[in-house]
Amino acid sequence: MYAVFLSGGKQYKVKKNQIVRLEKLNNTLDSTIEFNKILMISSKDSVKIGTPFLKEIKIKALVQSHGRLKKIKVIKFNRRKHYKKQQGHRQYYTEVKIVDINNF
């Protein structure tokens, strides 16, 4: 069984006991999160698709860690104009473990 849910403007496909890196969430470590914006759920015999969300299904997750990804370089450059601008960016993330997918 897997589900697709929406968090931080992005869609994630998850299964039970899977660890997922999401956009930074303001939750403490070892706290439980409940995701309500479920787009789709699939089991061995059936598939449910929301319009746009499924109201009766919830995903419970446990916050495991917070961190930052590797640095990416943002370079703006115009040739023959003596223009070069460099900048670095490190995105924050929250790592969660999917505990349960409630299918009512």
PDB file of N, CA and C in Angstrom:
ATOM      1  N   MET A   1       0.846  -1.169   0.000  1.00  0.00           N
ATOM      2  CA  MET A   1       0.000   0.000   0.000  1.00  0.00           C
ATOM      3  C   MET A   1       0.896   1.238   0.000  1.00  0.00           C
ATOM      4  N   TYR A   2       0.544   2.199  -0.833  1.00  0.00           N
ATOM      5  CA  TYR A   2       1.257   3.472  -0.840  1.00  0.00           C
ATOM      6  C   TYR A   2       0.253   4.605  -0.990  1.00  0.00           C
ATOM      7  N   ALA A   3       0.717   5.817  -0.680  1.00  0.00           N
ATOM      8  CA  ALA A   3      -0.135   7.002  -0.760  1.00  0.00           C
ATOM      9  C   ALA A   3       0.689   8.155  -1.317  1.00  0.00           C
ATOM     10  N   VAL A   4      -0.020   9.115  -1.912  1.00  0.00           N
ATOM     11  CA  VAL A   4       0.606  10.336  -2.417  1.00  0.00           C
ATOM     12  C   VAL A   4      -0.020  11.492  -1.651  1.00  0.00           C
ATOM     13  N   PHE A   5       0.837  12.311  -1.003  1.00  0.00           N
ATOM     14  CA  PHE A   5       0.313  13.438  -0.237  1.00  0.00           C
ATOM     15  C   PHE A   5       1.053  14.712  -0.607  1.00  0.00           C
ATOM     16  N   LEU A   6       0.486  15.834  -0.164  1.00  0.00           N
ATOM     17  CA  LEU A   6       0.997  17.162  -0.497  1.00  0.00           C
ATOM     18  C   LEU A   6       1.570  17.800   0.767  1.00  0.00           C
ATOM     19  N   SER A   7       2.802  18.283   0.676  1.00  0.00           N
ATOM     20  CA  SER A   7       3.424  18.978   1.802  1.00  0.00           C
ATOM     21  C   SER A   7       4.413  19.993   1.252  1.00  0.00           C
ATOM     22  N   GLY A   8       4.260  21.237   1.650  1.00  0.00           N
ATOM     23  CA  GLY A   8       5.192  22.271   1.207  1.00  0.00           C
ATOM     24  C   GLY A   8       5.117  22.555  -0.273  1.00  0.00           C
ATOM     25  N   GLY A   9       3.971  22.321  -0.898  1.00  0.00           N
ATOM     26  CA  GLY A   9       3.808  22.571  -2.318  1.00  0.00           C
ATOM     27  C   GLY A   9       4.364  21.471  -3.202  1.00  0.00           C
ATOM     28  N   LYS A  10       4.805  20.369  -2.610  1.00  0.00           N
ATOM     29  CA  LYS A  10       5.349  19.259  -3.374  1.00  0.00           C
ATOM     30  C   LYS A  10       4.588  17.990  -3.049  1.00  0.00           C
ATOM     31  N   GLN A  11       4.608  17.043  -3.976  1.00  0.00           N
ATOM     32  CA  GLN A  11       3.914  15.767  -3.794  1.00  0.00           C
ATOM     33  C   GLN A  11       4.927  14.673  -3.502  1.00  0.00           C
ATOM     34  N   TYR A  12       4.567  13.807  -2.546  1.00  0.00           N
ATOM     35  CA  TYR A  12       5.456  12.727  -2.143  1.00  0.00           C
ATOM     36  C   TYR A  12       4.699  11.405  -2.176  1.00  0.00           C
ATOM     37  N   LYS A  13       5.333  10.381  -2.737  1.00  0.00           N
ATOM     38  CA  LYS A  13       4.784   9.032  -2.763  1.00  0.00           C
ATOM     39  C   LYS A  13       5.473   8.246  -1.652  1.00  0.00           C
ATOM     40  N   VAL A  14       4.672   7.729  -0.702  1.00  0.00           N
ATOM     41  CA  VAL A  14       5.249   7.086   0.478  1.00  0.00           C
ATOM     42  C   VAL A  14       4.586   5.750   0.759  1.00  0.00           C
ATOM     43  N   LYS A  15       5.344   4.888   1.449  1.00  0.00           N
ATOM     44  CA  LYS A  15       4.846   3.625   1.983  1.00  0.00           C
ATOM     45  C   LYS A  15       5.072   3.638   3.486  1.00  0.00           C
ATOM     46  N   LYS A  16       4.489   2.682   4.176  1.00  0.00           N
ATOM     47  CA  LYS A  16       4.665   2.583   5.616  1.00  0.00           C
ATOM     48  C   LYS A  16       6.129   2.262   5.923  1.00  0.00           C
ATOM     49  N   ASN A  17       6.658   2.856   6.999  1.00  0.00           N
ATOM     50  CA  ASN A  17       8.034   2.710   7.485  1.00  0.00           C
ATOM     51  C   ASN A  17       9.081   3.305   6.548  1.00  0.00           C
ATOM     52  N   GLN A  18       8.684   4.157   5.625  1.00  0.00           N
ATOM     53  CA  GLN A  18       9.622   4.819   4.717  1.00  0.00           C
ATOM     54  C   GLN A  18      10.093   6.129   5.347  1.00  0.00           C
ATOM     55  N   ILE A  19      11.341   6.494   5.103  1.00  0.00           N
ATOM     56  CA  ILE A  19      11.891   7.756   5.586  1.00  0.00           C
ATOM     57  C   ILE A  19      11.944   8.731   4.408  1.00  0.00           C
ATOM     58  N   VAL A  20      11.370   9.938   4.616  1.00  0.00           N
ATOM     59  CA  VAL A  20      11.224  10.921   3.544  1.00  0.00           C
ATOM     60  C   VAL A  20      11.795  12.255   4.014  1.00  0.00           C
ATOM     61  N   ARG A  21      12.480  12.966   3.119  1.00  0.00           N
ATOM     62  CA  ARG A  21      12.944  14.320   3.399  1.00  0.00           C
ATOM     63  C   ARG A  21      11.958  15.319   2.811  1.00  0.00           C
ATOM     64  N   LEU A  22      11.350  16.119   3.686  1.00  0.00           N
ATOM     65  CA  LEU A  22      10.367  17.122   3.279  1.00  0.00           C
ATOM     66  C   LEU A  22      10.971  18.509   3.424  1.00  0.00           C
ATOM     67  N   GLU A  23      10.272  19.498   2.883  1.00  0.00           N
ATOM     68  CA  GLU A  23      10.640  20.883   3.147  1.00  0.00           C
ATOM     69  C   GLU A  23      10.572  21.109   4.652  1.00  0.00           C
ATOM     70  N   LYS A  24      11.332  22.075   5.152  1.00  0.00           N
ATOM     71  CA  LYS A  24      11.444  22.282   6.596  1.00  0.00           C
ATOM     72  C   LYS A  24      10.080  22.498   7.248  1.00  0.00           C
ATOM     73  N   LEU A  25       9.817  21.720   8.307  1.00  0.00           N
ATOM     74  CA  LEU A  25       8.612  21.847   9.111  1.00  0.00           C
ATOM     75  C   LEU A  25       9.004  22.315  10.504  1.00  0.00           C
ATOM     76  N   ASN A  26       8.175  23.148  11.112  1.00  0.00           N
ATOM     77  CA  ASN A  26       8.477  23.677  12.443  1.00  0.00           C
ATOM     78  C   ASN A  26       7.918  22.764  13.521  1.00  0.00           C
ATOM     79  N   ASN A  27       8.427  21.559  13.604  1.00  0.00           N
ATOM     80  CA  ASN A  27       8.036  20.599  14.619  1.00  0.00           C
ATOM     81  C   ASN A  27       9.290  20.147  15.358  1.00  0.00           C
ATOM     82  N   THR A  28       9.111  19.765  16.620  1.00  0.00           N
ATOM     83  CA  THR A  28      10.251  19.308  17.401  1.00  0.00           C
ATOM     84  C   THR A  28      10.579  17.862  17.051  1.00  0.00           C
ATOM     85  N   LEU A  29      11.782  17.440  17.437  1.00  0.00           N
ATOM     86  CA  LEU A  29      12.200  16.067  17.191  1.00  0.00           C
ATOM     87  C   LEU A  29      11.328  15.100  17.983  1.00  0.00           C
ATOM     88  N   ASP A  30      11.093  13.936  17.420  1.00  0.00           N
ATOM     89  CA  ASP A  30      10.275  12.859  18.009  1.00  0.00           C
ATOM     90  C   ASP A  30       8.815  13.256  18.226  1.00  0.00           C
ATOM     91  N   SER A  31       8.342  14.293  17.532  1.00  0.00           N
ATOM     92  CA  SER A  31       6.919  14.627  17.593  1.00  0.00           C
ATOM     93  C   SER A  31       6.197  13.967  16.425  1.00  0.00           C
ATOM     94  N   THR A  32       4.895  13.819  16.567  1.00  0.00           N
ATOM     95  CA  THR A  32       4.081  13.168  15.545  1.00  0.00           C
ATOM     96  C   THR A  32       3.381  14.225  14.701  1.00  0.00           C
ATOM     97  N   ILE A  33       3.393  14.020  13.392  1.00  0.00           N
ATOM     98  CA  ILE A  33       2.724  14.911  12.438  1.00  0.00           C
ATOM     99  C   ILE A  33       1.624  14.122  11.758  1.00  0.00           C
ATOM    100  N   GLU A  34       0.530  14.804  11.440  1.00  0.00           N
ATOM    101  CA  GLU A  34      -0.564  14.176  10.710  1.00  0.00           C
ATOM    102  C   GLU A  34      -0.781  14.949   9.421  1.00  0.00           C
ATOM    103  N   PHE A  35      -0.678  14.274   8.293  1.00  0.00           N
ATOM    104  CA  PHE A  35      -0.889  14.900   6.992  1.00  0.00           C
ATOM    105  C   PHE A  35      -2.322  14.627   6.539  1.00  0.00           C
ATOM    106  N   ASN A  36      -3.040  15.695   6.175  1.00  0.00           N
ATOM    107  CA  ASN A  36      -4.446  15.579   5.779  1.00  0.00           C
ATOM    108  C   ASN A  36      -4.665  15.710   4.288  1.00  0.00           C
ATOM    109  N   LYS A  37      -3.724  16.290   3.574  1.00  0.00           N
ATOM    110  CA  LYS A  37      -3.892  16.540   2.134  1.00  0.00           C
ATOM    111  C   LYS A  37      -3.407  15.330   1.343  1.00  0.00           C
ATOM    112  N   ILE A  38      -4.214  14.279   1.327  1.00  0.00           N
ATOM    113  CA  ILE A  38      -3.883  13.043   0.634  1.00  0.00           C
ATOM    114  C   ILE A  38      -4.494  13.103  -0.763  1.00  0.00           C
ATOM    115  N   LEU A  39      -3.669  12.947  -1.779  1.00  0.00           N
ATOM    116  CA  LEU A  39      -4.134  13.021  -3.164  1.00  0.00           C
ATOM    117  C   LEU A  39      -4.599  11.670  -3.690  1.00  0.00           C
ATOM    118  N   MET A  40      -3.905  10.594  -3.261  1.00  0.00           N
ATOM    119  CA  MET A  40      -4.215   9.273  -3.802  1.00  0.00           C
ATOM    120  C   MET A  40      -3.745   8.213  -2.821  1.00  0.00           C
ATOM    121  N   ILE A  41      -4.464   7.092  -2.799  1.00  0.00           N
ATOM    122  CA  ILE A  41      -4.034   5.940  -2.017  1.00  0.00           C
ATOM    123  C   ILE A  41      -4.272   4.695  -2.850  1.00  0.00           C
ATOM    124  N   SER A  42      -3.329   3.766  -2.768  1.00  0.00           N
ATOM    125  CA  SER A  42      -3.426   2.554  -3.569  1.00  0.00           C
ATOM    126  C   SER A  42      -3.091   1.355  -2.689  1.00  0.00           C
ATOM    127  N   SER A  43      -3.909   0.329  -2.782  1.00  0.00           N
ATOM    128  CA  SER A  43      -3.622  -0.944  -2.131  1.00  0.00           C
ATOM    129  C   SER A  43      -3.584  -2.012  -3.216  1.00  0.00           C
ATOM    130  N   LYS A  44      -3.495  -3.270  -2.815  1.00  0.00           N
ATOM    131  CA  LYS A  44      -3.366  -4.329  -3.815  1.00  0.00           C
ATOM    132  C   LYS A  44      -4.586  -4.452  -4.716  1.00  0.00           C
ATOM    133  N   ASP A  45      -5.767  -4.155  -4.186  1.00  0.00           N
ATOM    134  CA  ASP A  45      -6.979  -4.395  -4.969  1.00  0.00           C
ATOM    135  C   ASP A  45      -7.720  -3.137  -5.388  1.00  0.00           C
ATOM    136  N   SER A  46      -7.379  -1.965  -4.837  1.00  0.00           N
ATOM    137  CA  SER A  46      -8.142  -0.771  -5.196  1.00  0.00           C
ATOM    138  C   SER A  46      -7.258   0.473  -5.189  1.00  0.00           C
ATOM    139  N   VAL A  47      -7.749   1.483  -5.904  1.00  0.00           N
ATOM    140  CA  VAL A  47      -7.089   2.782  -5.970  1.00  0.00           C
ATOM    141  C   VAL A  47      -8.147   3.840  -5.725  1.00  0.00           C
ATOM    142  N   LYS A  48      -7.859   4.781  -4.788  1.00  0.00           N
ATOM    143  CA  LYS A  48      -8.759   5.910  -4.533  1.00  0.00           C
ATOM    144  C   LYS A  48      -8.026   7.190  -4.901  1.00  0.00           C
ATOM    145  N   ILE A  49      -8.710   8.031  -5.677  1.00  0.00           N
ATOM    146  CA  ILE A  49      -8.139   9.302  -6.113  1.00  0.00           C
ATOM    147  C   ILE A  49      -9.032  10.413  -5.612  1.00  0.00           C
ATOM    148  N   GLY A  50      -8.446  11.423  -4.982  1.00  0.00           N
ATOM    149  CA  GLY A  50      -9.206  12.532  -4.422  1.00  0.00           C
ATOM    150  C   GLY A  50      -9.541  13.587  -5.450  1.00  0.00           C
ATOM    151  N   THR A  51     -10.542  14.398  -5.106  1.00  0.00           N
ATOM    152  CA  THR A  51     -10.945  15.510  -5.978  1.00  0.00           C
ATOM    153  C   THR A  51     -11.021  16.800  -5.169  1.00  0.00           C
ATOM    154  N   PRO A  52     -10.026  17.498  -4.811  1.00  0.00           N
ATOM    155  CA  PRO A  52      -8.611  17.196  -4.980  1.00  0.00           C
ATOM    156  C   PRO A  52      -8.023  16.327  -3.864  1.00  0.00           C
ATOM    157  N   PHE A  53      -8.661  16.267  -2.673  1.00  0.00           N
ATOM    158  CA  PHE A  53      -8.093  15.506  -1.564  1.00  0.00           C
ATOM    159  C   PHE A  53      -9.068  14.444  -1.079  1.00  0.00           C
ATOM    160  N   LEU A  54      -8.533  13.412  -0.456  1.00  0.00           N
ATOM    161  CA  LEU A  54      -9.337  12.384   0.198  1.00  0.00           C
ATOM    162  C   LEU A  54      -9.513  12.802   1.657  1.00  0.00           C
ATOM    163  N   LYS A  55     -10.761  12.936   2.093  1.00  0.00           N
ATOM    164  CA  LYS A  55     -11.030  13.474   3.425  1.00  0.00           C
ATOM    165  C   LYS A  55     -10.921  12.433   4.525  1.00  0.00           C
ATOM    166  N   GLU A  56     -11.174  11.170   4.223  1.00  0.00           N
ATOM    167  CA  GLU A  56     -11.238  10.149   5.272  1.00  0.00           C
ATOM    168  C   GLU A  56      -9.897   9.493   5.566  1.00  0.00           C
ATOM    169  N   ILE A  57      -8.834   9.862   4.873  1.00  0.00           N
ATOM    170  CA  ILE A  57      -7.542   9.203   5.022  1.00  0.00           C
ATOM    171  C   ILE A  57      -6.529  10.184   5.610  1.00  0.00           C
ATOM    172  N   LYS A  58      -5.704   9.685   6.552  1.00  0.00           N
ATOM    173  CA  LYS A  58      -4.669  10.487   7.171  1.00  0.00           C
ATOM    174  C   LYS A  58      -3.371   9.688   7.199  1.00  0.00           C
ATOM    175  N   ILE A  59      -2.258  10.408   7.143  1.00  0.00           N
ATOM    176  CA  ILE A  59      -0.940   9.792   7.248  1.00  0.00           C
ATOM    177  C   ILE A  59      -0.280  10.324   8.516  1.00  0.00           C
ATOM    178  N   LYS A  60       0.198   9.413   9.353  1.00  0.00           N
ATOM    179  CA  LYS A  60       0.913   9.803  10.565  1.00  0.00           C
ATOM    180  C   LYS A  60       2.397   9.577  10.351  1.00  0.00           C
ATOM    181  N   ALA A  61       3.200  10.564  10.782  1.00  0.00           N
ATOM    182  CA  ALA A  61       4.650  10.488  10.614  1.00  0.00           C
ATOM    183  C   ALA A  61       5.339  10.962  11.879  1.00  0.00           C
ATOM    184  N   LEU A  62       6.564  10.506  12.067  1.00  0.00           N
ATOM    185  CA  LEU A  62       7.377  10.851  13.217  1.00  0.00           C
ATOM    186  C   LEU A  62       8.593  11.643  12.738  1.00  0.00           C
ATOM    187  N   VAL A  63       8.818  12.822  13.348  1.00  0.00           N
ATOM    188  CA  VAL A  63       9.950  13.664  12.961  1.00  0.00           C
ATOM    189  C   VAL A  63      11.228  13.045  13.512  1.00  0.00           C
ATOM    190  N   GLN A  64      12.183  12.767  12.620  1.00  0.00           N
ATOM    191  CA  GLN A  64      13.431  12.138  13.046  1.00  0.00           C
ATOM    192  C   GLN A  64      14.590  13.127  13.138  1.00  0.00           C
ATOM    193  N   SER A  65      14.707  14.039  12.177  1.00  0.00           N
ATOM    194  CA  SER A  65      15.822  14.988  12.219  1.00  0.00           C
ATOM    195  C   SER A  65      15.516  16.204  11.352  1.00  0.00           C
ATOM    196  N   HIS A  66      16.300  17.250  11.603  1.00  0.00           N
ATOM    197  CA  HIS A  66      16.305  18.456  10.781  1.00  0.00           C
ATOM    198  C   HIS A  66      17.721  18.625  10.250  1.00  0.00           C
ATOM    199  N   GLY A  67      17.847  19.267   9.100  1.00  0.00           N
ATOM    200  CA  GLY A  67      19.192  19.467   8.563  1.00  0.00           C
ATOM    201  C   GLY A  67      19.185  20.365   7.354  1.00  0.00           C
ATOM    202  N   ARG A  68      20.342  20.393   6.682  1.00  0.00           N
ATOM    203  CA  ARG A  68      20.500  21.177   5.468  1.00  0.00           C
ATOM    204  C   ARG A  68      21.153  20.311   4.411  1.00  0.00           C
ATOM    205  N   LEU A  69      20.730  20.505   3.170  1.00  0.00           N
ATOM    206  CA  LEU A  69      21.289  19.747   2.052  1.00  0.00           C
ATOM    207  C   LEU A  69      22.653  20.307   1.659  1.00  0.00           C
ATOM    208  N   LYS A  70      23.286  19.665   0.680  1.00  0.00           N
ATOM    209  CA  LYS A  70      24.571  20.147   0.176  1.00  0.00           C
ATOM    210  C   LYS A  70      24.400  21.499  -0.505  1.00  0.00           C
ATOM    211  N   LYS A  71      25.469  22.260  -0.511  1.00  0.00           N
ATOM    212  CA  LYS A  71      25.426  23.598  -1.106  1.00  0.00           C
ATOM    213  C   LYS A  71      25.370  23.504  -2.626  1.00  0.00           C
ATOM    214  N   ILE A  72      24.495  24.315  -3.210  1.00  0.00           N
ATOM    215  CA  ILE A  72      24.474  24.464  -4.659  1.00  0.00           C
ATOM    216  C   ILE A  72      24.967  25.867  -4.994  1.00  0.00           C
ATOM    217  N   LYS A  73      25.604  26.010  -6.143  1.00  0.00           N
ATOM    218  CA  LYS A  73      26.097  27.312  -6.566  1.00  0.00           C
ATOM    219  C   LYS A  73      25.131  27.920  -7.564  1.00  0.00           C
ATOM    220  N   VAL A  74      24.787  29.174  -7.334  1.00  0.00           N
ATOM    221  CA  VAL A  74      23.948  29.932  -8.253  1.00  0.00           C
ATOM    222  C   VAL A  74      24.863  30.947  -8.928  1.00  0.00           C
ATOM    223  N   ILE A  75      25.032  30.835 -10.242  1.00  0.00           N
ATOM    224  CA  ILE A  75      25.961  31.702 -10.972  1.00  0.00           C
ATOM    225  C   ILE A  75      25.199  32.459 -12.049  1.00  0.00           C
ATOM    226  N   LYS A  76      25.354  33.776 -12.026  1.00  0.00           N
ATOM    227  CA  LYS A  76      24.793  34.623 -13.070  1.00  0.00           C
ATOM    228  C   LYS A  76      25.970  35.226 -13.824  1.00  0.00           C
ATOM    229  N   PHE A  77      25.940  35.107 -15.148  1.00  0.00           N
ATOM    230  CA  PHE A  77      27.100  35.482 -15.941  1.00  0.00           C
ATOM    231  C   PHE A  77      26.655  36.033 -17.284  1.00  0.00           C
ATOM    232  N   ASN A  78      27.185  37.187 -17.657  1.00  0.00           N
ATOM    233  CA  ASN A  78      26.995  37.744 -19.001  1.00  0.00           C
ATOM    234  C   ASN A  78      28.360  37.838 -19.655  1.00  0.00           C
ATOM    235  N   ARG A  79      28.519  37.190 -20.793  1.00  0.00           N
ATOM    236  CA  ARG A  79      29.811  37.221 -21.453  1.00  0.00           C
ATOM    237  C   ARG A  79      30.073  38.608 -22.052  1.00  0.00           C
ATOM    238  N   ARG A  80      31.335  38.978 -22.082  1.00  0.00           N
ATOM    239  CA  ARG A  80      31.816  40.243 -22.651  1.00  0.00           C
ATOM    240  C   ARG A  80      31.253  41.479 -21.965  1.00  0.00           C
ATOM    241  N   LYS A  81      30.683  41.358 -20.786  1.00  0.00           N
ATOM    242  CA  LYS A  81      30.108  42.525 -20.104  1.00  0.00           C
ATOM    243  C   LYS A  81      30.750  42.758 -18.733  1.00  0.00           C
ATOM    244  N   HIS A  82      31.726  41.945 -18.358  1.00  0.00           N
ATOM    245  CA  HIS A  82      32.371  42.025 -17.045  1.00  0.00           C
ATOM    246  C   HIS A  82      31.350  41.872 -15.922  1.00  0.00           C
ATOM    247  N   TYR A  83      30.426  40.961 -16.108  1.00  0.00           N
ATOM    248  CA  TYR A  83      29.389  40.718 -15.096  1.00  0.00           C
ATOM    249  C   TYR A  83      29.422  39.256 -14.701  1.00  0.00           C
ATOM    250  N   LYS A  84      29.693  39.026 -13.439  1.00  0.00           N
ATOM    251  CA  LYS A  84      29.667  37.677 -12.895  1.00  0.00           C
ATOM    252  C   LYS A  84      29.238  37.783 -11.440  1.00  0.00           C
ATOM    253  N   LYS A  85      28.226  36.995 -11.073  1.00  0.00           N
ATOM    254  CA  LYS A  85      27.707  37.034  -9.716  1.00  0.00           C
ATOM    255  C   LYS A  85      27.562  35.601  -9.232  1.00  0.00           C
ATOM    256  N   GLN A  86      28.142  35.296  -8.087  1.00  0.00           N
ATOM    257  CA  GLN A  86      28.062  33.953  -7.523  1.00  0.00           C
ATOM    258  C   GLN A  86      27.359  34.002  -6.178  1.00  0.00           C
ATOM    259  N   GLN A  87      26.602  32.940  -5.918  1.00  0.00           N
ATOM    260  CA  GLN A  87      25.878  32.857  -4.659  1.00  0.00           C
ATOM    261  C   GLN A  87      25.706  31.386  -4.327  1.00  0.00           C
ATOM    262  N   GLY A  88      25.716  31.046  -3.061  1.00  0.00           N
ATOM    263  CA  GLY A  88      25.497  29.671  -2.632  1.00  0.00           C
ATOM    264  C   GLY A  88      24.172  29.552  -1.907  1.00  0.00           C
ATOM    265  N   HIS A  89      23.599  28.334  -1.905  1.00  0.00           N
ATOM    266  CA  HIS A  89      22.323  28.112  -1.225  1.00  0.00           C
ATOM    267  C   HIS A  89      22.304  26.707  -0.639  1.00  0.00           C
ATOM    268  N   ARG A  90      21.857  26.599   0.607  1.00  0.00           N
ATOM    269  CA  ARG A  90      21.668  25.303   1.260  1.00  0.00           C
ATOM    270  C   ARG A  90      20.228  25.242   1.749  1.00  0.00           C
ATOM    271  N   GLN A  91      19.475  24.272   1.254  1.00  0.00           N
ATOM    272  CA  GLN A  91      18.060  24.146   1.573  1.00  0.00           C
ATOM    273  C   GLN A  91      17.878  23.385   2.888  1.00  0.00           C
ATOM    274  N   TYR A  92      17.006  23.882   3.743  1.00  0.00           N
ATOM    275  CA  TYR A  92      16.655  23.199   4.980  1.00  0.00           C
ATOM    276  C   TYR A  92      15.686  22.056   4.690  1.00  0.00           C
ATOM    277  N   TYR A  93      15.760  20.979   5.478  1.00  0.00           N
ATOM    278  CA  TYR A  93      14.836  19.868   5.315  1.00  0.00           C
ATOM    279  C   TYR A  93      14.473  19.282   6.673  1.00  0.00           C
ATOM    280  N   THR A  94      13.377  18.525   6.687  1.00  0.00           N
ATOM    281  CA  THR A  94      12.955  17.756   7.847  1.00  0.00           C
ATOM    282  C   THR A  94      12.805  16.313   7.395  1.00  0.00           C
ATOM    283  N   GLU A  95      13.430  15.406   8.123  1.00  0.00           N
ATOM    284  CA  GLU A  95      13.371  13.987   7.791  1.00  0.00           C
ATOM    285  C   GLU A  95      12.307  13.332   8.678  1.00  0.00           C
ATOM    286  N   VAL A  96      11.313  12.709   8.040  1.00  0.00           N
ATOM    287  CA  VAL A  96      10.231  12.066   8.788  1.00  0.00           C
ATOM    288  C   VAL A  96      10.135  10.598   8.399  1.00  0.00           C
ATOM    289  N   LYS A  97       9.641   9.802   9.340  1.00  0.00           N
ATOM    290  CA  LYS A  97       9.391   8.383   9.085  1.00  0.00           C
ATOM    291  C   LYS A  97       7.890   8.180   9.103  1.00  0.00           C
ATOM    292  N   ILE A  98       7.353   7.568   8.039  1.00  0.00           N
ATOM    293  CA  ILE A  98       5.931   7.321   7.931  1.00  0.00           C
ATOM    294  C   ILE A  98       5.574   6.164   8.871  1.00  0.00           C
ATOM    295  N   VAL A  99       4.740   6.447   9.860  1.00  0.00           N
ATOM    296  CA  VAL A  99       4.377   5.452  10.869  1.00  0.00           C
ATOM    297  C   VAL A  99       3.156   4.666  10.438  1.00  0.00           C
ATOM    298  N   ASP A 100       2.129   5.378   9.926  1.00  0.00           N
ATOM    299  CA  ASP A 100       0.876   4.699   9.623  1.00  0.00           C
ATOM    300  C   ASP A 100       0.132   5.444   8.524  1.00  0.00           C
ATOM    301  N   ILE A 101      -0.562   4.692   7.684  1.00  0.00           N
ATOM    302  CA  ILE A 101      -1.472   5.242   6.684  1.00  0.00           C
ATOM    303  C   ILE A 101      -2.845   4.728   7.034  1.00  0.00           C
ATOM    304  N   ASN A 102      -3.681   5.618   7.579  1.00  0.00           N
ATOM    305  CA  ASN A 102      -5.023   5.216   8.001  1.00  0.00           C
ATOM    306  C   ASN A 102      -5.963   5.180   6.819  1.00  0.00           C
ATOM    307  N   ASN A 103      -6.541   4.050   6.561  1.00  0.00           N
ATOM    308  CA  ASN A 103      -7.489   3.880   5.459  1.00  0.00           C
ATOM    309  C   ASN A 103      -8.824   3.486   6.060  1.00  0.00           C
ATOM    310  N   PHE A 104      -9.734   4.447   6.210  1.00  0.00           N
ATOM    311  CA  PHE A 104     -11.038   4.197   6.843  1.00  0.00           C
ATOM    312  C   PHE A 104     -12.015   3.582   5.879  1.00  0.00           C
TER     313      PHE A 104
END
